[in-house]
């Protein structure tokens, strides 16, 4: 059994008109929400063994704040594939993981993550910024993961409900 944490990036800023979408930073509110979610992860003993993030600044900054607050000990792995990804892109990245990683978190964007969550669990959850879904996957090896692996949505958190 593997566990996948799916985290949408925290609230980003639209303050700078000249920045490309990929380069938008987090708002102060987003920084606070990311830290809050990291603390939640730590309190629920869900600190991942591996964190994968989109290379977009808002996702990577979210991942780093969550990593710090959850006491994650590794480095955040940024991959361009997770920016503008579809479910099979996520699956392909996850299939490359070491099987020693039982609990993994991915940080990305909508609608990409909502599609992944639906693909793996059948759940049609709306993922607001900094929302976190815990998915249990009935696999022993990440190599077994497929887009239609029948996972289970174990828990769902949004900063506004905490």
N, C-alpha and C. Protein backbone atom coordinates (compact mmCIF):
# COMPACT_ATOMS: atom_id res chain seq x y z
N UNK A 1 0.84 -1.17 0.00
CA UNK A 1 0.00 0.00 0.00
C UNK A 1 0.89 1.25 0.00
N UNK A 2 0.60 2.17 -0.90
CA UNK A 2 1.31 3.45 -0.97
C UNK A 2 0.32 4.57 -0.65
N UNK A 3 0.85 5.68 -0.17
CA UNK A 3 0.04 6.86 0.12
C UNK A 3 0.54 8.03 -0.70
N UNK A 4 -0.40 8.70 -1.34
CA UNK A 4 -0.09 9.87 -2.15
C UNK A 4 -0.81 11.07 -1.56
N UNK A 5 -0.05 12.11 -1.27
CA UNK A 5 -0.63 13.38 -0.85
C UNK A 5 -0.64 14.29 -2.08
N UNK A 6 -1.79 14.83 -2.39
CA UNK A 6 -1.95 15.73 -3.53
C UNK A 6 -2.23 17.11 -2.98
N UNK A 7 -1.32 18.04 -3.24
CA UNK A 7 -1.43 19.40 -2.69
C UNK A 7 -1.44 20.42 -3.81
N UNK A 8 -2.48 21.22 -3.85
CA UNK A 8 -2.51 22.33 -4.79
C UNK A 8 -1.68 23.47 -4.21
N UNK A 9 -0.97 24.18 -5.06
CA UNK A 9 -0.16 25.31 -4.60
C UNK A 9 -1.03 26.30 -3.83
N UNK A 10 -0.42 27.07 -2.96
CA UNK A 10 -1.12 28.07 -2.17
C UNK A 10 -1.44 29.31 -3.02
N UNK A 11 -2.18 30.23 -2.43
CA UNK A 11 -2.66 31.43 -3.12
C UNK A 11 -1.49 32.24 -3.69
N UNK A 12 -1.55 32.51 -4.97
CA UNK A 12 -0.48 33.25 -5.64
C UNK A 12 -0.88 34.69 -5.90
N UNK A 13 0.12 35.48 -6.21
CA UNK A 13 -0.09 36.91 -6.45
C UNK A 13 -0.23 37.20 -7.94
N UNK A 14 -1.15 38.10 -8.23
CA UNK A 14 -1.31 38.61 -9.60
C UNK A 14 -0.83 40.06 -9.65
N UNK A 15 -0.07 40.47 -8.66
CA UNK A 15 0.36 41.86 -8.50
C UNK A 15 1.26 42.34 -9.63
N UNK A 16 2.06 41.47 -10.16
CA UNK A 16 3.05 41.85 -11.17
C UNK A 16 2.59 41.44 -12.56
N UNK A 17 2.07 42.37 -13.32
CA UNK A 17 1.53 42.10 -14.65
C UNK A 17 2.57 41.58 -15.63
N UNK A 18 3.83 41.95 -15.40
CA UNK A 18 4.88 41.60 -16.36
C UNK A 18 5.46 40.20 -16.13
N UNK A 19 5.03 39.51 -15.08
CA UNK A 19 5.56 38.17 -14.83
C UNK A 19 4.80 37.11 -15.63
N UNK A 20 5.54 36.16 -16.12
CA UNK A 20 4.92 35.01 -16.78
C UNK A 20 4.20 34.18 -15.72
N UNK A 21 3.19 33.43 -16.12
CA UNK A 21 2.43 32.60 -15.19
C UNK A 21 3.35 31.70 -14.37
N UNK A 22 4.34 31.13 -14.99
CA UNK A 22 5.29 30.23 -14.34
C UNK A 22 6.04 30.91 -13.20
N UNK A 23 6.19 32.23 -13.25
CA UNK A 23 7.03 32.96 -12.30
C UNK A 23 6.27 33.67 -11.19
N UNK A 24 4.94 33.51 -11.14
CA UNK A 24 4.17 34.22 -10.12
C UNK A 24 4.50 33.71 -8.71
N UNK A 25 4.73 34.65 -7.76
CA UNK A 25 5.04 34.27 -6.38
C UNK A 25 3.76 34.04 -5.56
N UNK A 26 3.96 33.58 -4.34
CA UNK A 26 2.84 33.43 -3.41
C UNK A 26 2.49 34.78 -2.79
N UNK A 27 1.21 34.93 -2.46
CA UNK A 27 0.77 36.05 -1.64
C UNK A 27 1.13 35.73 -0.20
N UNK A 28 1.10 36.72 0.65
CA UNK A 28 1.36 36.51 2.08
C UNK A 28 0.37 35.47 2.63
N UNK A 29 -0.90 35.59 2.22
CA UNK A 29 -1.93 34.64 2.65
C UNK A 29 -1.57 33.22 2.20
N UNK A 30 -1.00 33.10 1.01
CA UNK A 30 -0.58 31.80 0.51
C UNK A 30 0.56 31.22 1.32
N UNK A 31 1.50 32.05 1.71
CA UNK A 31 2.62 31.59 2.54
C UNK A 31 2.10 31.06 3.88
N UNK A 32 1.14 31.77 4.45
CA UNK A 32 0.56 31.34 5.73
C UNK A 32 -0.19 30.01 5.58
N UNK A 33 -0.95 29.88 4.49
CA UNK A 33 -1.71 28.65 4.25
C UNK A 33 -0.77 27.46 4.04
N UNK A 34 0.32 27.67 3.31
CA UNK A 34 1.28 26.58 3.06
C UNK A 34 1.89 26.11 4.38
N UNK A 35 2.25 27.04 5.23
CA UNK A 35 2.80 26.68 6.54
C UNK A 35 1.76 25.94 7.38
N UNK A 36 0.53 26.40 7.35
CA UNK A 36 -0.57 25.75 8.06
C UNK A 36 -0.74 24.30 7.60
N UNK A 37 -0.69 24.08 6.29
CA UNK A 37 -0.85 22.73 5.75
C UNK A 37 0.34 21.84 6.13
N UNK A 38 1.52 22.41 6.16
CA UNK A 38 2.69 21.65 6.60
C UNK A 38 2.57 21.22 8.05
N UNK A 39 2.05 22.12 8.89
CA UNK A 39 1.84 21.78 10.30
C UNK A 39 0.79 20.68 10.44
N UNK A 40 -0.26 20.77 9.62
CA UNK A 40 -1.30 19.74 9.63
C UNK A 40 -0.71 18.38 9.25
N UNK A 41 0.12 18.37 8.23
CA UNK A 41 0.78 17.13 7.79
C UNK A 41 1.60 16.53 8.92
N UNK A 42 2.34 17.37 9.62
CA UNK A 42 3.16 16.89 10.74
C UNK A 42 2.27 16.35 11.87
N UNK A 43 1.21 17.07 12.23
CA UNK A 43 0.31 16.65 13.31
C UNK A 43 -0.36 15.31 13.00
N UNK A 44 -0.64 15.05 11.75
CA UNK A 44 -1.30 13.80 11.35
C UNK A 44 -0.29 12.70 10.98
N UNK A 45 0.98 12.93 11.30
CA UNK A 45 2.04 11.95 11.02
C UNK A 45 2.07 11.55 9.54
N UNK A 46 1.92 12.55 8.68
CA UNK A 46 1.91 12.32 7.23
C UNK A 46 3.11 12.96 6.52
N UNK A 47 4.16 13.24 7.26
CA UNK A 47 5.33 13.84 6.63
C UNK A 47 5.84 12.87 5.56
N UNK A 48 5.89 13.34 4.31
CA UNK A 48 6.27 12.44 3.22
C UNK A 48 7.75 12.07 3.24
N UNK A 49 8.04 10.99 2.55
CA UNK A 49 9.43 10.59 2.34
C UNK A 49 10.00 11.22 1.08
N UNK A 50 9.12 11.72 0.23
CA UNK A 50 9.53 12.37 -1.01
C UNK A 50 8.51 13.43 -1.36
N UNK A 51 8.99 14.62 -1.77
CA UNK A 51 8.11 15.69 -2.25
C UNK A 51 8.53 16.05 -3.66
N UNK A 52 7.55 15.97 -4.57
CA UNK A 52 7.74 16.35 -5.97
C UNK A 52 6.90 17.58 -6.24
N UNK A 53 7.46 18.55 -6.95
CA UNK A 53 6.73 19.79 -7.21
C UNK A 53 6.89 20.23 -8.65
N UNK A 54 5.86 20.92 -9.12
CA UNK A 54 5.97 21.65 -10.38
C UNK A 54 7.10 22.66 -10.23
N UNK A 55 7.69 23.05 -11.34
CA UNK A 55 8.76 24.06 -11.30
C UNK A 55 8.22 25.48 -11.19
N UNK A 56 6.91 25.67 -11.31
CA UNK A 56 6.35 27.02 -11.18
C UNK A 56 6.68 27.56 -9.80
N UNK A 57 7.03 28.83 -9.75
CA UNK A 57 7.49 29.43 -8.50
C UNK A 57 6.48 29.24 -7.36
N UNK A 58 5.19 29.45 -7.63
CA UNK A 58 4.18 29.36 -6.57
C UNK A 58 4.07 27.93 -6.03
N UNK A 59 4.24 26.93 -6.88
CA UNK A 59 4.19 25.54 -6.44
C UNK A 59 5.45 25.18 -5.65
N UNK A 60 6.58 25.56 -6.18
CA UNK A 60 7.85 25.25 -5.52
C UNK A 60 7.95 25.94 -4.16
N UNK A 61 7.52 27.20 -4.09
CA UNK A 61 7.53 27.91 -2.81
C UNK A 61 6.57 27.26 -1.82
N UNK A 62 5.40 26.83 -2.31
CA UNK A 62 4.46 26.11 -1.45
C UNK A 62 5.11 24.84 -0.91
N UNK A 63 5.71 24.07 -1.81
CA UNK A 63 6.34 22.81 -1.42
C UNK A 63 7.43 23.04 -0.36
N UNK A 64 8.22 24.06 -0.53
CA UNK A 64 9.30 24.33 0.43
C UNK A 64 8.77 24.75 1.79
N UNK A 65 7.71 25.57 1.81
CA UNK A 65 7.11 25.99 3.09
C UNK A 65 6.46 24.79 3.79
N UNK A 66 5.76 23.96 3.04
CA UNK A 66 5.15 22.75 3.61
C UNK A 66 6.24 21.81 4.12
N UNK A 67 7.29 21.65 3.36
CA UNK A 67 8.39 20.77 3.76
C UNK A 67 8.97 21.22 5.10
N UNK A 68 9.22 22.51 5.23
CA UNK A 68 9.79 23.04 6.47
C UNK A 68 8.84 22.83 7.65
N UNK A 69 7.58 23.18 7.48
CA UNK A 69 6.62 23.08 8.57
C UNK A 69 6.30 21.64 8.95
N UNK A 70 6.42 20.71 8.00
CA UNK A 70 6.12 19.30 8.28
C UNK A 70 7.33 18.52 8.79
N UNK A 71 8.48 19.21 8.83
CA UNK A 71 9.76 18.60 9.24
C UNK A 71 10.25 17.55 8.25
N UNK A 72 9.94 17.77 6.98
CA UNK A 72 10.45 16.92 5.90
C UNK A 72 11.97 17.05 5.87
N UNK A 73 12.66 15.92 5.74
CA UNK A 73 14.12 15.94 5.81
C UNK A 73 14.83 15.89 4.46
N UNK A 74 14.10 15.63 3.39
CA UNK A 74 14.73 15.52 2.08
C UNK A 74 14.74 16.85 1.35
N UNK A 75 15.05 16.79 0.09
CA UNK A 75 14.98 17.99 -0.74
C UNK A 75 13.74 17.88 -1.62
N UNK A 76 13.17 19.03 -1.91
CA UNK A 76 12.02 19.07 -2.80
C UNK A 76 12.53 18.87 -4.22
N UNK A 77 11.94 17.93 -4.94
CA UNK A 77 12.35 17.65 -6.31
C UNK A 77 11.41 18.38 -7.26
N UNK A 78 11.95 19.35 -7.97
CA UNK A 78 11.16 20.13 -8.93
C UNK A 78 11.24 19.48 -10.30
N UNK A 79 10.08 19.30 -10.92
CA UNK A 79 10.06 18.72 -12.26
C UNK A 79 9.08 19.49 -13.15
N UNK A 80 9.54 19.89 -14.28
CA UNK A 80 8.75 20.67 -15.24
C UNK A 80 7.52 19.89 -15.72
N UNK A 81 7.60 18.58 -15.71
CA UNK A 81 6.50 17.73 -16.17
C UNK A 81 5.22 17.99 -15.37
N UNK A 82 5.35 18.42 -14.12
CA UNK A 82 4.18 18.64 -13.27
C UNK A 82 3.53 20.00 -13.49
N UNK A 83 4.06 20.79 -14.39
CA UNK A 83 3.45 22.08 -14.75
C UNK A 83 2.64 21.86 -16.02
N UNK A 84 1.32 21.98 -15.90
CA UNK A 84 0.47 21.73 -17.06
C UNK A 84 0.35 20.24 -17.35
N UNK A 85 0.31 19.43 -16.30
CA UNK A 85 0.31 17.98 -16.45
C UNK A 85 -1.11 17.43 -16.56
N UNK A 86 -1.21 16.25 -17.13
CA UNK A 86 -2.47 15.52 -17.09
C UNK A 86 -2.21 14.25 -16.28
N UNK A 87 -3.26 13.49 -15.94
CA UNK A 87 -3.05 12.33 -15.06
C UNK A 87 -1.95 11.38 -15.50
N UNK A 88 -1.82 11.12 -16.79
CA UNK A 88 -0.76 10.18 -17.19
C UNK A 88 0.64 10.75 -17.00
N UNK A 89 0.78 12.09 -17.06
CA UNK A 89 2.09 12.71 -16.75
C UNK A 89 2.45 12.49 -15.29
N UNK A 90 1.48 12.70 -14.39
CA UNK A 90 1.73 12.46 -12.96
C UNK A 90 2.10 11.01 -12.73
N UNK A 91 1.33 10.10 -13.31
CA UNK A 91 1.58 8.68 -13.14
C UNK A 91 2.98 8.32 -13.62
N UNK A 92 3.37 8.85 -14.75
CA UNK A 92 4.70 8.54 -15.30
C UNK A 92 5.80 9.01 -14.35
N UNK A 93 5.66 10.19 -13.76
CA UNK A 93 6.65 10.69 -12.80
C UNK A 93 6.66 9.81 -11.54
N UNK A 94 5.48 9.48 -11.04
CA UNK A 94 5.38 8.67 -9.83
C UNK A 94 5.92 7.26 -10.03
N UNK A 95 5.78 6.71 -11.23
CA UNK A 95 6.27 5.36 -11.52
C UNK A 95 7.80 5.26 -11.43
N UNK A 96 8.48 6.39 -11.45
CA UNK A 96 9.95 6.41 -11.38
C UNK A 96 10.47 6.39 -9.95
N UNK A 97 9.56 6.50 -8.97
CA UNK A 97 9.98 6.58 -7.57
C UNK A 97 10.52 5.27 -7.05
N UNK A 98 11.35 5.39 -6.04
CA UNK A 98 11.89 4.23 -5.34
C UNK A 98 10.77 3.63 -4.48
N UNK A 99 10.67 2.33 -4.44
CA UNK A 99 9.61 1.69 -3.67
C UNK A 99 9.78 1.85 -2.17
N UNK A 100 10.94 2.29 -1.72
CA UNK A 100 11.12 2.57 -0.30
C UNK A 100 10.29 3.78 0.12
N UNK A 101 9.91 4.62 -0.84
CA UNK A 101 9.07 5.79 -0.56
C UNK A 101 7.62 5.33 -0.47
N UNK A 102 7.13 5.18 0.75
CA UNK A 102 5.76 4.72 0.97
C UNK A 102 4.76 5.88 0.92
N UNK A 103 5.22 7.07 1.32
CA UNK A 103 4.37 8.25 1.43
C UNK A 103 4.99 9.39 0.63
N UNK A 104 4.31 9.80 -0.42
CA UNK A 104 4.84 10.78 -1.36
C UNK A 104 3.85 11.93 -1.52
N UNK A 105 4.36 13.14 -1.66
CA UNK A 105 3.50 14.29 -1.91
C UNK A 105 3.87 14.93 -3.25
N UNK A 106 2.84 15.29 -4.01
CA UNK A 106 3.05 16.07 -5.22
C UNK A 106 2.37 17.41 -5.05
N UNK A 107 3.02 18.45 -5.54
CA UNK A 107 2.51 19.81 -5.45
C UNK A 107 2.37 20.35 -6.86
N UNK A 108 1.17 20.79 -7.21
CA UNK A 108 0.94 21.26 -8.56
C UNK A 108 -0.23 22.21 -8.67
N UNK A 109 -0.95 22.07 -9.77
CA UNK A 109 -1.92 23.09 -10.19
C UNK A 109 -3.27 22.46 -10.55
N UNK A 110 -4.26 23.32 -10.63
CA UNK A 110 -5.57 22.93 -11.16
C UNK A 110 -5.67 23.37 -12.60
N UNK A 111 -6.44 22.71 -13.41
CA UNK A 111 -7.30 21.57 -13.10
C UNK A 111 -6.55 20.23 -13.06
N UNK A 112 -5.25 20.28 -13.25
CA UNK A 112 -4.43 19.07 -13.34
C UNK A 112 -4.63 18.13 -12.15
N UNK A 113 -4.55 18.69 -10.94
CA UNK A 113 -4.63 17.85 -9.75
C UNK A 113 -6.04 17.31 -9.52
N UNK A 114 -7.05 18.11 -9.85
CA UNK A 114 -8.43 17.63 -9.73
C UNK A 114 -8.66 16.44 -10.67
N UNK A 115 -8.10 16.52 -11.87
CA UNK A 115 -8.23 15.40 -12.81
C UNK A 115 -7.50 14.16 -12.30
N UNK A 116 -6.31 14.35 -11.70
CA UNK A 116 -5.57 13.22 -11.14
C UNK A 116 -6.36 12.58 -10.00
N UNK A 117 -6.88 13.40 -9.11
CA UNK A 117 -7.65 12.90 -7.98
C UNK A 117 -8.87 12.10 -8.45
N UNK A 118 -9.57 12.63 -9.44
CA UNK A 118 -10.72 11.92 -9.98
C UNK A 118 -10.31 10.62 -10.66
N UNK A 119 -9.22 10.67 -11.39
CA UNK A 119 -8.73 9.48 -12.10
C UNK A 119 -8.38 8.35 -11.13
N UNK A 120 -7.76 8.70 -10.01
CA UNK A 120 -7.30 7.69 -9.06
C UNK A 120 -8.37 7.24 -8.06
N UNK A 121 -9.35 8.12 -7.78
CA UNK A 121 -10.31 7.80 -6.71
C UNK A 121 -11.77 7.86 -7.15
N UNK A 122 -12.04 8.49 -8.28
CA UNK A 122 -13.42 8.70 -8.69
C UNK A 122 -14.05 9.90 -7.99
N UNK A 123 -13.34 10.50 -7.05
CA UNK A 123 -13.85 11.66 -6.31
C UNK A 123 -13.71 12.92 -7.15
N UNK A 124 -14.79 13.65 -7.25
CA UNK A 124 -14.78 14.91 -8.00
C UNK A 124 -14.74 16.07 -7.01
N UNK A 125 -13.60 16.20 -6.34
CA UNK A 125 -13.40 17.25 -5.34
C UNK A 125 -12.84 18.50 -6.00
N UNK A 126 -13.33 19.63 -5.54
CA UNK A 126 -12.75 20.91 -5.94
C UNK A 126 -11.55 21.15 -5.03
N UNK A 127 -10.41 21.47 -5.62
CA UNK A 127 -9.21 21.72 -4.84
C UNK A 127 -8.91 23.22 -4.80
N UNK A 128 -9.36 23.92 -3.77
CA UNK A 128 -8.99 25.33 -3.65
C UNK A 128 -7.50 25.44 -3.37
N UNK A 129 -6.97 26.63 -3.42
CA UNK A 129 -5.53 26.80 -3.17
C UNK A 129 -5.16 26.23 -1.80
N UNK A 130 -4.04 25.55 -1.77
CA UNK A 130 -3.45 24.90 -0.60
C UNK A 130 -4.28 23.74 -0.06
N UNK A 131 -5.24 23.23 -0.82
CA UNK A 131 -6.01 22.06 -0.41
C UNK A 131 -5.14 20.81 -0.52
N UNK A 132 -5.40 19.87 0.35
CA UNK A 132 -4.61 18.65 0.44
C UNK A 132 -5.52 17.44 0.45
N UNK A 133 -5.23 16.47 -0.41
CA UNK A 133 -5.96 15.21 -0.46
C UNK A 133 -5.00 14.08 -0.12
N UNK A 134 -5.44 13.18 0.75
CA UNK A 134 -4.68 11.98 1.09
C UNK A 134 -5.32 10.81 0.37
N UNK A 135 -4.53 10.15 -0.48
CA UNK A 135 -5.04 9.04 -1.28
C UNK A 135 -4.25 7.77 -0.95
N UNK A 136 -4.99 6.71 -0.65
CA UNK A 136 -4.40 5.40 -0.41
C UNK A 136 -4.45 4.62 -1.72
N UNK A 137 -3.32 4.05 -2.10
CA UNK A 137 -3.21 3.33 -3.37
C UNK A 137 -2.91 1.85 -3.11
N UNK A 138 -3.69 0.94 -3.69
CA UNK A 138 -3.50 -0.50 -3.45
C UNK A 138 -2.38 -1.10 -4.30
N UNK A 139 -1.19 -0.55 -4.13
CA UNK A 139 -0.03 -1.02 -4.88
C UNK A 139 1.14 -1.24 -3.92
N UNK A 140 2.02 -2.13 -4.26
CA UNK A 140 3.23 -2.36 -3.47
C UNK A 140 4.43 -1.65 -4.08
N UNK A 141 4.35 -1.41 -5.37
CA UNK A 141 5.44 -0.75 -6.10
C UNK A 141 4.86 0.41 -6.91
N UNK A 142 5.59 1.52 -6.93
CA UNK A 142 5.14 2.67 -7.74
C UNK A 142 5.06 2.30 -9.22
N UNK A 143 5.84 1.32 -9.63
CA UNK A 143 5.81 0.88 -11.03
C UNK A 143 4.46 0.29 -11.42
N UNK A 144 3.69 -0.16 -10.43
CA UNK A 144 2.35 -0.72 -10.67
C UNK A 144 1.29 0.35 -10.91
N UNK A 145 1.60 1.60 -10.59
CA UNK A 145 0.62 2.67 -10.67
C UNK A 145 0.17 2.89 -12.11
N UNK A 146 -1.15 3.00 -12.27
CA UNK A 146 -1.74 3.33 -13.57
C UNK A 146 -2.72 4.46 -13.34
N UNK A 147 -3.11 5.10 -14.42
CA UNK A 147 -4.05 6.22 -14.34
C UNK A 147 -5.38 5.81 -13.70
N UNK A 148 -5.74 4.55 -13.84
CA UNK A 148 -7.02 4.09 -13.30
C UNK A 148 -6.86 3.16 -12.09
N UNK A 149 -5.69 3.24 -11.43
CA UNK A 149 -5.52 2.47 -10.21
C UNK A 149 -6.61 2.89 -9.23
N UNK A 150 -7.35 1.92 -8.67
CA UNK A 150 -8.49 2.27 -7.82
C UNK A 150 -8.08 2.70 -6.41
N UNK A 151 -7.63 3.94 -6.30
CA UNK A 151 -7.24 4.48 -5.01
C UNK A 151 -8.45 4.90 -4.19
N UNK A 152 -8.19 5.25 -2.94
CA UNK A 152 -9.26 5.68 -2.03
C UNK A 152 -8.90 7.04 -1.46
N UNK A 153 -9.84 7.98 -1.55
CA UNK A 153 -9.67 9.28 -0.91
C UNK A 153 -9.88 9.08 0.59
N UNK A 154 -8.80 9.17 1.34
CA UNK A 154 -8.84 8.92 2.78
C UNK A 154 -9.24 10.17 3.54
N UNK A 155 -8.67 11.30 3.13
CA UNK A 155 -8.94 12.55 3.83
C UNK A 155 -8.76 13.72 2.88
N UNK A 156 -9.46 14.79 3.17
CA UNK A 156 -9.38 16.01 2.37
C UNK A 156 -9.40 17.20 3.32
N UNK A 157 -8.44 18.11 3.13
CA UNK A 157 -8.38 19.32 3.95
C UNK A 157 -8.23 20.54 3.06
N UNK A 158 -8.86 21.61 3.46
CA UNK A 158 -8.68 22.93 2.83
C UNK A 158 -8.38 23.92 3.94
N UNK A 159 -7.48 24.87 3.70
CA UNK A 159 -7.13 25.82 4.75
C UNK A 159 -8.34 26.55 5.34
N UNK A 160 -9.34 26.83 4.52
CA UNK A 160 -10.51 27.58 5.00
C UNK A 160 -11.34 26.79 6.01
N UNK A 161 -11.15 25.47 6.08
CA UNK A 161 -11.94 24.65 7.00
C UNK A 161 -11.16 24.29 8.26
N UNK A 162 -9.93 24.75 8.37
CA UNK A 162 -9.10 24.42 9.55
C UNK A 162 -9.23 25.47 10.63
